[in-house]
Amino acid sequence: MTSPPSEPPALTVEALHLTVGHGRTEAVRDVSFTVRRGEALGLVGESGSGKTLTCRSVLGLLAPGVEVAEGRIALGDTELTGLTGRQWQQLRGTRLGAVFQDPSSYLNPALTVGRQLAEPLRVRHGLPRAEARARAAGLLDSVGLDSGRVYDSYPHELSGGMLQRVLIAIAVCGDPELLVADEATTALDTVVQAEILDLLDRLRAERGLALLLVTHDLAVVAEVCDRILVFYAGEIVEQGPTAEVIAAPAHPYTEALLRVASLGDRTRRELAVIPGRPPEPGTAGPGCRFADRCDYATDACTTDTVPLTGTAPGRQVRCLRVGELALAGTAHRTEVFR
């Protein structure tokens, strides 16, 4: 259940600007959003759109050379901007949990799964050895694994879907307030992907944690997210309740993503694509960054400033022609939303 509006958000990001390299090239510009306890927020966009950089700034895992140039990030009442490395380590694994695309890269191949789950319970949470083992086994069971078989297994003995479940168990072992899932289902087949999404959704409901789901796939967002942020070239171009955005997109880029995703359409035979490429970081000129790929662009779209404008309660769009265009939504909404 989502926390009431009177409670502070689990996560607050305000006017975030991220820069890259010695030239301080702008990679993410003026990104703001909140996530409440029990809520799932989806960040969606093509590779390089800025969604992963944004989520890594929330986790304090920005690569060398990437910096928070401006803005504020807060976990509840705790300011995250400017924390030391040691302070970040104290938050990750306790109040912050994370699940990434390739679980095998985050698990030690020389240690059993059970030991890798029990160790943080002993070291970070002070549980005695026997209690940590019992808690670890319970966590494996809670994510749909047979702890009797999996506990003493090594990572190479498990499938990709099982490894992802292990990583989710590790991510939630400290009862985090926020769980960040960055392309957590991308490498999985369709059936396993659906199972992992169901698992994330169930854990969110049972534990009341906030979920920040980062993906390039609108179909994934449609499965579990209450709200959606659409990223393009380092900016938010549209945000709002997921059902509303998918049923009636207000930005041409969102419409194009829907064509590519073809939510619920099992009959389409041709692969839809979005012609052209996003601009490289630091190369975007004035006007709309999507203008050269947009079917609806006018001359003004290439020269005029395009603000993120509120169009309805909870909805914002970065488009000069918002309200003028009649964009196509998905005709398969009932197949997508359960």
C-alpha atoms as a PDB file:
ATOM      1  CA  MET A   1       0.000   0.000   0.000  1.00  0.00           C
ATOM      2  CA  THR A   2       1.340   3.420  -0.943  1.00  0.00           C
ATOM      3  CA  SER A   3       2.150   5.721   1.976  1.00  0.00           C
ATOM      4  CA  PRO A   4      -0.264   8.641   2.558  1.00  0.00           C
ATOM      5  CA  PRO A   5       0.671  12.038   1.074  1.00  0.00           C
ATOM      6  CA  SER A   6       1.310  13.412   4.581  1.00  0.00           C
ATOM      7  CA  GLU A   7       4.366  11.162   4.965  1.00  0.00           C
ATOM      8  CA  PRO A   8       7.652  12.241   3.355  1.00  0.00           C
ATOM      9  CA  PRO A   9       8.508  10.350   0.145  1.00  0.00           C
ATOM     10  CA  ALA A  10      10.856   7.393   0.419  1.00  0.00           C
ATOM     11  CA  LEU A  11      12.950   9.060  -2.305  1.00  0.00           C
ATOM     12  CA  THR A  12      13.148  12.658  -3.442  1.00  0.00           C
ATOM     13  CA  VAL A  13      15.176  13.834  -6.452  1.00  0.00           C
ATOM     14  CA  GLU A  14      15.124  17.570  -7.154  1.00  0.00           C
ATOM     15  CA  ALA A  15      16.614  19.418 -10.145  1.00  0.00           C
ATOM     16  CA  LEU A  16      19.322  16.804 -10.658  1.00  0.00           C
ATOM     17  CA  HIS A  17      22.099  17.684 -13.132  1.00  0.00           C
ATOM     18  CA  LEU A  18      24.820  15.109 -13.881  1.00  0.00           C
ATOM     19  CA  THR A  19      27.992  15.887 -15.820  1.00  0.00           C
ATOM     20  CA  VAL A  20      30.601  13.628 -17.426  1.00  0.00           C
ATOM     21  CA  GLY A  21      34.322  14.031 -18.131  1.00  0.00           C
ATOM     22  CA  HIS A  22      36.805  16.850 -17.766  1.00  0.00           C
ATOM     23  CA  GLY A  23      34.760  19.066 -20.030  1.00  0.00           C
ATOM     24  CA  ARG A  24      31.830  18.593 -17.655  1.00  0.00           C
ATOM     25  CA  THR A  25      29.539  17.497 -20.465  1.00  0.00           C
ATOM     26  CA  GLU A  26      25.926  17.502 -19.345  1.00  0.00           C
ATOM     27  CA  ALA A  27      24.490  13.958 -19.269  1.00  0.00           C
ATOM     28  CA  VAL A  28      21.303  14.463 -17.212  1.00  0.00           C
ATOM     29  CA  ARG A  29      19.484  17.797 -16.969  1.00  0.00           C
ATOM     30  CA  ASP A  30      16.939  19.051 -14.435  1.00  0.00           C
ATOM     31  CA  VAL A  31      15.443  15.721 -13.361  1.00  0.00           C
ATOM     32  CA  SER A  32      12.937  15.811 -10.491  1.00  0.00           C
ATOM     33  CA  PHE A  33      10.655  13.113  -9.077  1.00  0.00           C
ATOM     34  CA  THR A  34       9.550  11.381  -5.876  1.00  0.00           C
ATOM     35  CA  VAL A  35       8.727   7.788  -4.931  1.00  0.00           C
ATOM     36  CA  ARG A  36       6.559   6.951  -1.919  1.00  0.00           C
ATOM     37  CA  ARG A  37       6.696   3.840   0.268  1.00  0.00           C
ATOM     38  CA  GLY A  38       4.736   1.073  -1.439  1.00  0.00           C
ATOM     39  CA  GLU A  39       4.858   2.818  -4.822  1.00  0.00           C
ATOM     40  CA  ALA A  40       6.573   1.597  -8.000  1.00  0.00           C
ATOM     41  CA  LEU A  41       8.019   4.201 -10.371  1.00  0.00           C
ATOM     42  CA  GLY A  42       9.307   3.211 -13.810  1.00  0.00           C
ATOM     43  CA  LEU A  43      12.144   5.031 -15.584  1.00  0.00           C
ATOM     44  CA  VAL A  44      12.022   4.179 -19.274  1.00  0.00           C
ATOM     45  CA  GLY A  45      13.919   5.229 -22.399  1.00  0.00           C
ATOM     46  CA  GLU A  46      16.486   4.103 -24.939  1.00  0.00           C
ATOM     47  CA  SER A  47      20.071   3.306 -24.018  1.00  0.00           C
ATOM     48  CA  GLY A  48      21.908   6.504 -23.164  1.00  0.00           C
ATOM     49  CA  SER A  49      18.751   8.382 -22.183  1.00  0.00           C
ATOM     50  CA  GLY A  50      20.021   9.058 -18.655  1.00  0.00           C
ATOM     51  CA  LYS A  51      17.781   6.702 -16.691  1.00  0.00           C
ATOM     52  CA  THR A  52      20.589   4.421 -15.448  1.00  0.00           C
ATOM     53  CA  LEU A  53      22.838   7.366 -14.544  1.00  0.00           C
ATOM     54  CA  THR A  54      19.947   8.800 -12.562  1.00  0.00           C
ATOM     55  CA  CYS A  55      19.360   5.591 -10.615  1.00  0.00           C
ATOM     56  CA  ARG A  56      23.081   5.118  -9.969  1.00  0.00           C
ATOM     57  CA  SER A  57      23.226   8.623  -8.506  1.00  0.00           C
ATOM     58  CA  VAL A  58      20.476   7.509  -6.108  1.00  0.00           C
ATOM     59  CA  LEU A  59      22.644   4.524  -5.094  1.00  0.00           C
ATOM     60  CA  GLY A  60      25.904   6.493  -4.889  1.00  0.00           C
ATOM     61  CA  LEU A  61      27.380   4.283  -7.613  1.00  0.00           C
ATOM     62  CA  LEU A  62      28.312   6.825 -10.270  1.00  0.00           C
ATOM     63  CA  ALA A  63      31.390   5.879 -12.273  1.00  0.00           C
ATOM     64  CA  PRO A  64      34.580   7.937 -11.951  1.00  0.00           C
ATOM     65  CA  GLY A  65      34.232  11.109 -13.993  1.00  0.00           C
ATOM     66  CA  VAL A  66      30.453  11.326 -13.516  1.00  0.00           C
ATOM     67  CA  GLU A  67      29.408  13.932 -10.962  1.00  0.00           C
ATOM     68  CA  VAL A  68      26.318  15.463  -9.429  1.00  0.00           C
ATOM     69  CA  ALA A  69      26.761  19.041 -10.622  1.00  0.00           C
ATOM     70  CA  GLU A  70      23.513  20.367  -9.162  1.00  0.00           C
ATOM     71  CA  GLY A  71      20.430  19.126  -7.389  1.00  0.00           C
ATOM     72  CA  ARG A  72      19.325  17.231  -4.320  1.00  0.00           C
ATOM     73  CA  ILE A  73      18.725  13.550  -3.531  1.00  0.00           C
ATOM     74  CA  ALA A  74      17.120  12.450  -0.260  1.00  0.00           C
ATOM     75  CA  LEU A  75      16.171   9.054   1.169  1.00  0.00           C
ATOM     76  CA  GLY A  76      13.333   9.924   3.501  1.00  0.00           C
ATOM     77  CA  ASP A  77      14.757  12.719   5.651  1.00  0.00           C
ATOM     78  CA  THR A  78      18.386  11.741   4.934  1.00  0.00           C
ATOM     79  CA  GLU A  79      20.251  13.916   2.447  1.00  0.00           C
ATOM     80  CA  LEU A  80      22.291  11.726   0.107  1.00  0.00           C
ATOM     81  CA  THR A  81      24.044  14.390  -1.934  1.00  0.00           C
ATOM     82  CA  GLY A  82      27.584  14.789  -0.677  1.00  0.00           C
ATOM     83  CA  LEU A  83      27.810  11.590   1.397  1.00  0.00           C
ATOM     84  CA  THR A  84      31.231   9.985   1.853  1.00  0.00           C
ATOM     85  CA  GLY A  85      32.000   6.532   0.495  1.00  0.00           C
ATOM     86  CA  ARG A  86      31.736   5.028   3.981  1.00  0.00           C
ATOM     87  CA  GLN A  87      28.339   6.654   4.551  1.00  0.00           C
ATOM     88  CA  TRP A  88      27.068   5.243   1.243  1.00  0.00           C
ATOM     89  CA  GLN A  89      28.265   1.765   2.258  1.00  0.00           C
ATOM     90  CA  GLN A  90      26.264   2.014   5.480  1.00  0.00           C
ATOM     91  CA  LEU A  91      23.097   2.805   3.515  1.00  0.00           C
ATOM     92  CA  ARG A  92      23.457   0.184   0.780  1.00  0.00           C
ATOM     93  CA  GLY A  93      22.312  -3.182   2.064  1.00  0.00           C
ATOM     94  CA  THR A  94      20.263  -1.603   4.843  1.00  0.00           C
ATOM     95  CA  ARG A  95      18.018   1.271   3.763  1.00  0.00           C
ATOM     96  CA  LEU A  96      18.896   0.910   0.062  1.00  0.00           C
ATOM     97  CA  GLY A  97      18.682  -2.298  -1.972  1.00  0.00           C
ATOM     98  CA  ALA A  98      19.662  -2.862  -5.601  1.00  0.00           C
ATOM     99  CA  VAL A  99      19.195  -5.527  -8.268  1.00  0.00           C
ATOM    100  CA  PHE A 100      21.095  -5.313 -11.561  1.00  0.00           C
ATOM    101  CA  GLN A 101      20.983  -6.922 -14.989  1.00  0.00           C
ATOM    102  CA  ASP A 102      23.615  -9.667 -14.673  1.00  0.00           C
ATOM    103  CA  PRO A 103      23.392 -11.298 -11.228  1.00  0.00           C
ATOM    104  CA  SER A 104      26.446 -13.476 -11.841  1.00  0.00           C
ATOM    105  CA  SER A 105      28.592 -10.330 -11.907  1.00  0.00           C
ATOM    106  CA  TYR A 106      27.521  -9.475  -8.353  1.00  0.00           C
ATOM    107  CA  LEU A 107      27.893 -12.926  -6.780  1.00  0.00           C
ATOM    108  CA  ASN A 108      31.174 -14.519  -5.708  1.00  0.00           C
ATOM    109  CA  PRO A 109      31.637 -17.761  -7.701  1.00  0.00           C
ATOM    110  CA  ALA A 110      33.814 -19.232  -4.917  1.00  0.00           C
ATOM    111  CA  LEU A 111      31.177 -18.921  -2.178  1.00  0.00           C
ATOM    112  CA  THR A 112      27.893 -20.750  -1.742  1.00  0.00           C
ATOM    113  CA  VAL A 113      24.666 -18.814  -2.199  1.00  0.00           C
ATOM    114  CA  GLY A 114      23.714 -19.318   1.433  1.00  0.00           C
ATOM    115  CA  ARG A 115      26.973 -17.923   2.726  1.00  0.00           C
ATOM    116  CA  GLN A 116      26.692 -14.845   0.520  1.00  0.00           C
ATOM    117  CA  LEU A 117      23.233 -14.194   1.918  1.00  0.00           C
ATOM    118  CA  ALA A 118      24.002 -15.021   5.557  1.00  0.00           C
ATOM    119  CA  GLU A 119      27.262 -13.030   5.679  1.00  0.00           C
ATOM    120  CA  PRO A 120      25.682  -9.547   5.459  1.00  0.00           C
ATOM    121  CA  LEU A 121      23.073 -10.608   8.027  1.00  0.00           C
ATOM    122  CA  ARG A 122      25.895 -11.404  10.438  1.00  0.00           C
ATOM    123  CA  VAL A 123      28.261  -8.538   9.617  1.00  0.00           C
ATOM    124  CA  ARG A 124      25.842  -5.712   8.812  1.00  0.00           C
ATOM    125  CA  HIS A 125      22.923  -6.668  11.038  1.00  0.00           C
ATOM    126  CA  GLY A 126      24.674  -8.433  13.928  1.00  0.00           C
ATOM    127  CA  LEU A 127      22.757 -11.714  13.821  1.00  0.00           C
ATOM    128  CA  PRO A 128      24.315 -14.811  15.431  1.00  0.00           C
ATOM    129  CA  ARG A 129      25.505 -17.454  12.976  1.00  0.00           C
ATOM    130  CA  ALA A 130      22.589 -19.853  13.455  1.00  0.00           C
ATOM    131  CA  GLU A 131      20.005 -17.072  13.294  1.00  0.00           C
ATOM    132  CA  ALA A 132      21.633 -15.606  10.173  1.00  0.00           C
ATOM    133  CA  ARG A 133      21.533 -19.020   8.509  1.00  0.00           C
ATOM    134  CA  ALA A 134      17.858 -19.490   9.370  1.00  0.00           C
ATOM    135  CA  ARG A 135      17.013 -15.973   8.188  1.00  0.00           C
ATOM    136  CA  ALA A 136      18.928 -16.518   4.929  1.00  0.00           C
ATOM    137  CA  ALA A 137      17.083 -19.778   4.279  1.00  0.00           C
ATOM    138  CA  GLY A 138      13.770 -18.027   4.921  1.00  0.00           C
ATOM    139  CA  LEU A 139      14.669 -15.273   2.467  1.00  0.00           C
ATOM    140  CA  LEU A 140      15.493 -17.836  -0.237  1.00  0.00           C
ATOM    141  CA  ASP A 141      12.123 -19.488   0.335  1.00  0.00           C
ATOM    142  CA  SER A 142      10.385 -16.083   0.220  1.00  0.00           C
ATOM    143  CA  VAL A 143      11.711 -15.408  -3.296  1.00  0.00           C
ATOM    144  CA  GLY A 144      10.480 -18.737  -4.618  1.00  0.00           C
ATOM    145  CA  LEU A 145      13.595 -20.891  -4.215  1.00  0.00           C
ATOM    146  CA  ASP A 146      13.986 -24.227  -2.389  1.00  0.00           C
ATOM    147  CA  SER A 147      16.405 -23.235   0.350  1.00  0.00           C
ATOM    148  CA  GLY A 148      17.144 -26.877   1.154  1.00  0.00           C
ATOM    149  CA  ARG A 149      18.594 -27.306  -2.329  1.00  0.00           C
ATOM    150  CA  VAL A 150      19.869 -23.832  -3.118  1.00  0.00           C
ATOM    151  CA  TYR A 151      21.501 -22.766   0.157  1.00  0.00           C
ATOM    152  CA  ASP A 152      24.675 -24.828  -0.325  1.00  0.00           C
ATOM    153  CA  SER A 153      24.787 -24.391  -4.115  1.00  0.00           C
ATOM    154  CA  TYR A 154      27.388 -22.295  -5.912  1.00  0.00           C
ATOM    155  CA  PRO A 155      26.275 -19.599  -8.391  1.00  0.00           C
ATOM    156  CA  HIS A 156      27.387 -21.607 -11.445  1.00  0.00           C
ATOM    157  CA  GLU A 157      24.983 -24.383 -10.456  1.00  0.00           C
ATOM    158  CA  LEU A 158      21.913 -22.118 -10.773  1.00  0.00           C
ATOM    159  CA  SER A 159      20.040 -20.732 -13.770  1.00  0.00           C
ATOM    160  CA  GLY A 160      19.873 -17.032 -14.603  1.00  0.00           C
ATOM    161  CA  GLY A 161      16.389 -16.695 -13.166  1.00  0.00           C
ATOM    162  CA  MET A 162      17.416 -18.435  -9.938  1.00  0.00           C
ATOM    163  CA  LEU A 163      20.473 -16.192  -9.619  1.00  0.00           C
ATOM    164  CA  GLN A 164      18.280 -13.120 -10.042  1.00  0.00           C
ATOM    165  CA  ARG A 165      16.043 -14.384  -7.230  1.00  0.00           C
ATOM    166  CA  VAL A 166      19.137 -14.820  -5.046  1.00  0.00           C
ATOM    167  CA  LEU A 167      20.194 -11.248  -5.788  1.00  0.00           C
ATOM    168  CA  ILE A 168      16.698 -10.009  -4.899  1.00  0.00           C
ATOM    169  CA  ALA A 169      16.881 -11.910  -1.595  1.00  0.00           C
ATOM    170  CA  ILE A 170      20.216 -10.240  -0.829  1.00  0.00           C
ATOM    171  CA  ALA A 171      18.792  -6.841  -1.807  1.00  0.00           C
ATOM    172  CA  VAL A 172      15.853  -7.084   0.595  1.00  0.00           C
ATOM    173  CA  CYS A 173      17.614  -8.831   3.496  1.00  0.00           C
ATOM    174  CA  GLY A 174      18.115  -5.500   5.288  1.00  0.00           C
ATOM    175  CA  ASP A 175      14.441  -4.455   4.922  1.00  0.00           C
ATOM    176  CA  PRO A 176      15.271  -1.477   2.672  1.00  0.00           C
ATOM    177  CA  GLU A 177      13.045   1.543   2.241  1.00  0.00           C
ATOM    178  CA  LEU A 178      13.909   1.704  -1.461  1.00  0.00           C
ATOM    179  CA  LEU A 179      14.695  -1.061  -3.936  1.00  0.00           C
ATOM    180  CA  VAL A 180      16.308  -0.060  -7.244  1.00  0.00           C
ATOM    181  CA  ALA A 181      15.955  -2.595 -10.066  1.00  0.00           C
ATOM    182  CA  ASP A 182      18.124  -1.578 -13.029  1.00  0.00           C
ATOM    183  CA  GLU A 183      17.287  -3.659 -16.141  1.00  0.00           C
ATOM    184  CA  ALA A 184      16.773  -6.565 -13.742  1.00  0.00           C
ATOM    185  CA  THR A 185      14.807  -8.654 -16.262  1.00  0.00           C
ATOM    186  CA  THR A 186      16.559  -7.758 -19.532  1.00  0.00           C
ATOM    187  CA  ALA A 187      18.712 -10.898 -19.785  1.00  0.00           C
ATOM    188  CA  LEU A 188      15.864 -13.294 -18.927  1.00  0.00           C
ATOM    189  CA  ASP A 189      13.472 -15.117 -21.207  1.00  0.00           C
ATOM    190  CA  THR A 190       9.845 -14.002 -21.325  1.00  0.00           C
ATOM    191  CA  VAL A 191       8.473 -16.561 -18.863  1.00  0.00           C
ATOM    192  CA  VAL A 192      11.202 -15.993 -16.255  1.00  0.00           C
ATOM    193  CA  GLN A 193      10.924 -12.233 -16.770  1.00  0.00           C
ATOM    194  CA  ALA A 194       7.239 -12.377 -15.874  1.00  0.00           C
ATOM    195  CA  GLU A 195       8.026 -14.430 -12.752  1.00  0.00           C
ATOM    196  CA  ILE A 196      10.657 -11.936 -11.574  1.00  0.00           C
ATOM    197  CA  LEU A 197       8.297  -8.994 -12.165  1.00  0.00           C
ATOM    198  CA  ASP A 198       5.603 -10.763 -10.152  1.00  0.00           C
ATOM    199  CA  LEU A 199       8.145 -11.352  -7.391  1.00  0.00           C
ATOM    200  CA  LEU A 200       9.205  -7.682  -7.277  1.00  0.00           C
ATOM    201  CA  ASP A 201       5.570  -6.623  -7.216  1.00  0.00           C
ATOM    202  CA  ARG A 202       4.764  -9.030  -4.371  1.00  0.00           C
ATOM    203  CA  LEU A 203       7.750  -7.960  -2.283  1.00  0.00           C
ATOM    204  CA  ARG A 204       6.808  -4.310  -2.768  1.00  0.00           C
ATOM    205  CA  ALA A 205       3.276  -5.024  -1.500  1.00  0.00           C
ATOM    206  CA  GLU A 206       4.346  -7.258   1.392  1.00  0.00           C
ATOM    207  CA  ARG A 207       7.186  -5.064   2.644  1.00  0.00           C
ATOM    208  CA  GLY A 208       5.796  -1.645   1.756  1.00  0.00           C
ATOM    209  CA  LEU A 209       9.062  -0.670   0.090  1.00  0.00           C
ATOM    210  CA  ALA A 210       9.422   1.866  -2.700  1.00  0.00           C
ATOM    211  CA  LEU A 211      10.457   0.394  -6.056  1.00  0.00           C
ATOM    212  CA  LEU A 212      12.433   2.281  -8.690  1.00  0.00           C
ATOM    213  CA  LEU A 213      12.360   0.181 -11.858  1.00  0.00           C
ATOM    214  CA  VAL A 214      14.748   1.157 -14.657  1.00  0.00           C
ATOM    215  CA  THR A 215      14.180  -0.354 -18.105  1.00  0.00           C
ATOM    216  CA  HIS A 216      14.091   0.323 -21.833  1.00  0.00           C
ATOM    217  CA  ASP A 217      10.920  -1.778 -22.128  1.00  0.00           C
ATOM    218  CA  LEU A 218       7.513  -0.156 -21.667  1.00  0.00           C
ATOM    219  CA  ALA A 219       5.914  -3.604 -21.384  1.00  0.00           C
ATOM    220  CA  VAL A 220       7.939  -4.214 -18.206  1.00  0.00           C
ATOM    221  CA  VAL A 221       6.831  -0.891 -16.728  1.00  0.00           C
ATOM    222  CA  ALA A 222       3.220  -1.651 -17.582  1.00  0.00           C
ATOM    223  CA  GLU A 223       3.345  -4.832 -15.514  1.00  0.00           C
ATOM    224  CA  VAL A 224       4.231  -3.369 -12.110  1.00  0.00           C
ATOM    225  CA  CYS A 225       4.604   0.422 -12.063  1.00  0.00           C
ATOM    226  CA  ASP A 226       2.101   2.949 -10.719  1.00  0.00           C
ATOM    227  CA  ARG A 227       3.790   5.871 -12.449  1.00  0.00           C
ATOM    228  CA  ILE A 228       6.207   6.295 -15.337  1.00  0.00           C
ATOM    229  CA  LEU A 229       8.985   8.752 -16.250  1.00  0.00           C
ATOM    230  CA  VAL A 230       9.986   8.758 -19.915  1.00  0.00           C
ATOM    231  CA  PHE A 231      13.614   9.823 -20.481  1.00  0.00           C
ATOM    232  CA  TYR A 232      15.116  11.086 -23.711  1.00  0.00           C
ATOM    233  CA  ALA A 233      18.644  12.482 -24.218  1.00  0.00           C
ATOM    234  CA  GLY A 234      19.125  13.194 -20.512  1.00  0.00           C
ATOM    235  CA  GLU A 235      15.740  14.832 -19.903  1.00  0.00           C
ATOM    236  CA  ILE A 236      12.328  13.781 -18.693  1.00  0.00           C
ATOM    237  CA  VAL A 237       9.971  14.277 -21.644  1.00  0.00           C
ATOM    238  CA  GLU A 238       6.821  12.850 -20.066  1.00  0.00           C
ATOM    239  CA  GLN A 239       5.628  11.607 -16.710  1.00  0.00           C
ATOM    240  CA  GLY A 240       2.347  10.496 -15.186  1.00  0.00           C
ATOM    241  CA  PRO A 241       0.290   7.493 -14.050  1.00  0.00           C
ATOM    242  CA  THR A 242       1.343   4.487 -16.116  1.00  0.00           C
ATOM    243  CA  ALA A 243      -2.147   3.548 -17.266  1.00  0.00           C
ATOM    244  CA  GLU A 244      -2.842   7.107 -18.459  1.00  0.00           C
ATOM    245  CA  VAL A 245       0.484   7.530 -20.248  1.00  0.00           C
ATOM    246  CA  ILE A 246       0.146   4.234 -22.108  1.00  0.00           C
ATOM    247  CA  ALA A 247      -3.508   4.769 -22.984  1.00  0.00           C
ATOM    248  CA  ALA A 248      -2.983   8.382 -24.107  1.00  0.00           C
ATOM    249  CA  PRO A 249       0.692   9.372 -24.616  1.00  0.00           C
ATOM    250  CA  ALA A 250       1.218  13.118 -24.842  1.00  0.00           C
ATOM    251  CA  HIS A 251       4.793  13.181 -26.201  1.00  0.00           C
ATOM    252  CA  PRO A 252       5.726  11.860 -29.677  1.00  0.00           C
ATOM    253  CA  TYR A 253       8.678   9.950 -28.203  1.00  0.00           C
ATOM    254  CA  THR A 254       6.390   8.082 -25.808  1.00  0.00           C
ATOM    255  CA  GLU A 255       4.120   7.255 -28.727  1.00  0.00           C
ATOM    256  CA  ALA A 256       7.122   5.928 -30.654  1.00  0.00           C
ATOM    257  CA  LEU A 257       8.192   3.761 -27.700  1.00  0.00           C
ATOM    258  CA  LEU A 258       4.685   2.327 -27.555  1.00  0.00           C
ATOM    259  CA  ARG A 259       4.871   1.389 -31.230  1.00  0.00           C
ATOM    260  CA  VAL A 260       8.146  -0.413 -30.588  1.00  0.00           C
ATOM    261  CA  ALA A 261       6.836  -2.160 -27.460  1.00  0.00           C
ATOM    262  CA  SER A 262       3.510  -3.114 -29.116  1.00  0.00           C
ATOM    263  CA  LEU A 263       2.019  -3.858 -25.715  1.00  0.00           C
ATOM    264  CA  GLY A 264      -0.259  -6.865 -25.792  1.00  0.00           C
ATOM    265  CA  ASP A 265      -0.038  -7.228 -29.600  1.00  0.00           C
ATOM    266  CA  ARG A 266       0.706 -10.865 -30.457  1.00  0.00           C
ATOM    267  CA  THR A 267      -0.266 -10.510 -34.142  1.00  0.00           C
ATOM    268  CA  ARG A 268       2.218  -7.883 -35.342  1.00  0.00           C
ATOM    269  CA  ARG A 269       4.740  -9.350 -37.757  1.00  0.00           C
ATOM    270  CA  GLU A 270       6.869  -6.313 -38.642  1.00  0.00           C
ATOM    271  CA  LEU A 271       9.409  -4.951 -36.177  1.00  0.00           C
ATOM    272  CA  ALA A 272       8.761  -1.274 -35.450  1.00  0.00           C
ATOM    273  CA  VAL A 273      11.751   1.043 -35.034  1.00  0.00           C
ATOM    274  CA  ILE A 274      12.332   4.698 -34.232  1.00  0.00           C
ATOM    275  CA  PRO A 275      14.356   6.183 -37.138  1.00  0.00           C
ATOM    276  CA  GLY A 276      17.522   8.100 -36.310  1.00  0.00           C
ATOM    277  CA  ARG A 277      19.604   8.246 -33.138  1.00  0.00           C
ATOM    278  CA  PRO A 278      19.506  10.332 -29.960  1.00  0.00           C
ATOM    279  CA  PRO A 279      22.013  13.200 -29.794  1.00  0.00           C
ATOM    280  CA  GLU A 280      25.346  12.516 -28.133  1.00  0.00           C
ATOM    281  CA  PRO A 281      25.742  14.072 -24.654  1.00  0.00           C
ATOM    282  CA  GLY A 282      26.700  17.714 -24.938  1.00  0.00           C
ATOM    283  CA  THR A 283      25.722  18.041 -28.606  1.00  0.00           C
ATOM    284  CA  ALA A 284      22.043  18.959 -28.216  1.00  0.00           C
ATOM    285  CA  GLY A 285      21.278  22.404 -29.564  1.00  0.00           C
ATOM    286  CA  PRO A 286      18.317  24.669 -28.847  1.00  0.00           C
ATOM    287  CA  GLY A 287      14.771  23.390 -29.069  1.00  0.00           C
ATOM    288  CA  CYS A 288      13.401  19.893 -28.567  1.00  0.00           C
ATOM    289  CA  ARG A 289      16.045  17.173 -28.427  1.00  0.00           C
ATOM    290  CA  PHE A 290      13.683  14.744 -30.184  1.00  0.00           C
ATOM    291  CA  ALA A 291      12.837  17.145 -33.043  1.00  0.00           C
ATOM    292  CA  ASP A 292      15.011  15.520 -35.729  1.00  0.00           C
ATOM    293  CA  ARG A 293      13.321  12.123 -35.126  1.00  0.00           C
ATOM    294  CA  CYS A 294       9.792  13.438 -34.614  1.00  0.00           C
ATOM    295  CA  ASP A 295       7.001  13.038 -37.175  1.00  0.00           C
ATOM    296  CA  TYR A 296       5.257  16.150 -35.839  1.00  0.00           C
ATOM    297  CA  ALA A 297       8.145  18.640 -35.516  1.00  0.00           C
ATOM    298  CA  THR A 298       7.821  22.198 -36.815  1.00  0.00           C
ATOM    299  CA  ASP A 299      10.496  24.877 -37.252  1.00  0.00           C
ATOM    300  CA  ALA A 300       9.708  26.202 -33.776  1.00  0.00           C
ATOM    301  CA  CYS A 301      10.530  22.798 -32.290  1.00  0.00           C
ATOM    302  CA  THR A 302      14.174  23.207 -33.352  1.00  0.00           C
ATOM    303  CA  THR A 303      14.643  26.734 -31.990  1.00  0.00           C
ATOM    304  CA  ASP A 304      12.318  27.430 -29.046  1.00  0.00           C
ATOM    305  CA  THR A 305      12.896  26.456 -25.418  1.00  0.00           C
ATOM    306  CA  VAL A 306      10.717  23.483 -24.440  1.00  0.00           C
ATOM    307  CA  PRO A 307       9.733  23.411 -20.745  1.00  0.00           C
ATOM    308  CA  LEU A 308       8.288  20.446 -18.866  1.00  0.00           C
ATOM    309  CA  THR A 309       4.663  21.530 -18.596  1.00  0.00           C
ATOM    310  CA  GLY A 310       1.844  20.245 -16.416  1.00  0.00           C
ATOM    311  CA  THR A 311      -1.101  19.115 -18.544  1.00  0.00           C
ATOM    312  CA  ALA A 312      -3.303  17.378 -15.940  1.00  0.00           C
ATOM    313  CA  PRO A 313      -3.033  16.334 -12.277  1.00  0.00           C
ATOM    314  CA  GLY A 314       0.098  14.218 -11.996  1.00  0.00           C
ATOM    315  CA  ARG A 315       1.064  14.590 -15.666  1.00  0.00           C
ATOM    316  CA  GLN A 316       3.858  16.605 -17.269  1.00  0.00           C
ATOM    317  CA  VAL A 317       5.057  16.766 -20.886  1.00  0.00           C
ATOM    318  CA  ARG A 318       8.012  18.452 -22.621  1.00  0.00           C
ATOM    319  CA  CYS A 319       6.478  19.303 -26.026  1.00  0.00           C
ATOM    320  CA  LEU A 320       5.605  22.606 -27.728  1.00  0.00           C
ATOM    321  CA  ARG A 321       2.632  20.987 -29.462  1.00  0.00           C
ATOM    322  CA  VAL A 322       1.150  19.294 -26.396  1.00  0.00           C
ATOM    323  CA  GLY A 323      -2.639  19.538 -26.501  1.00  0.00           C
ATOM    324  CA  GLU A 324      -2.528  20.099 -30.253  1.00  0.00           C
ATOM    325  CA  LEU A 325      -1.551  16.565 -31.264  1.00  0.00           C
ATOM    326  CA  ALA A 326      -3.841  13.551 -31.098  1.00  0.00           C
ATOM    327  CA  LEU A 327      -1.346  10.763 -30.459  1.00  0.00           C
ATOM    328  CA  ALA A 328      -2.267   7.092 -30.640  1.00  0.00           C
ATOM    329  CA  GLY A 329      -2.208   5.078 -27.423  1.00  0.00           C
ATOM    330  CA  THR A 330      -2.277   1.300 -27.147  1.00  0.00           C
ATOM    331  CA  ALA A 331      -5.374  -0.579 -28.197  1.00  0.00           C
ATOM    332  CA  HIS A 332      -4.402  -3.437 -25.893  1.00  0.00           C
ATOM    333  CA  ARG A 333      -4.643  -1.787 -22.500  1.00  0.00           C
ATOM    334  CA  THR A 334      -6.905  -4.488 -21.067  1.00  0.00           C
ATOM    335  CA  GLU A 335      -4.326  -7.143 -21.974  1.00  0.00           C
ATOM    336  CA  VAL A 336      -1.515  -5.218 -20.289  1.00  0.00           C
ATOM    337  CA  PHE A 337      -3.030  -4.088 -16.980  1.00  0.00           C
ATOM    338  CA  ARG A 338      -4.203  -6.771 -14.625  1.00  0.00           C
END
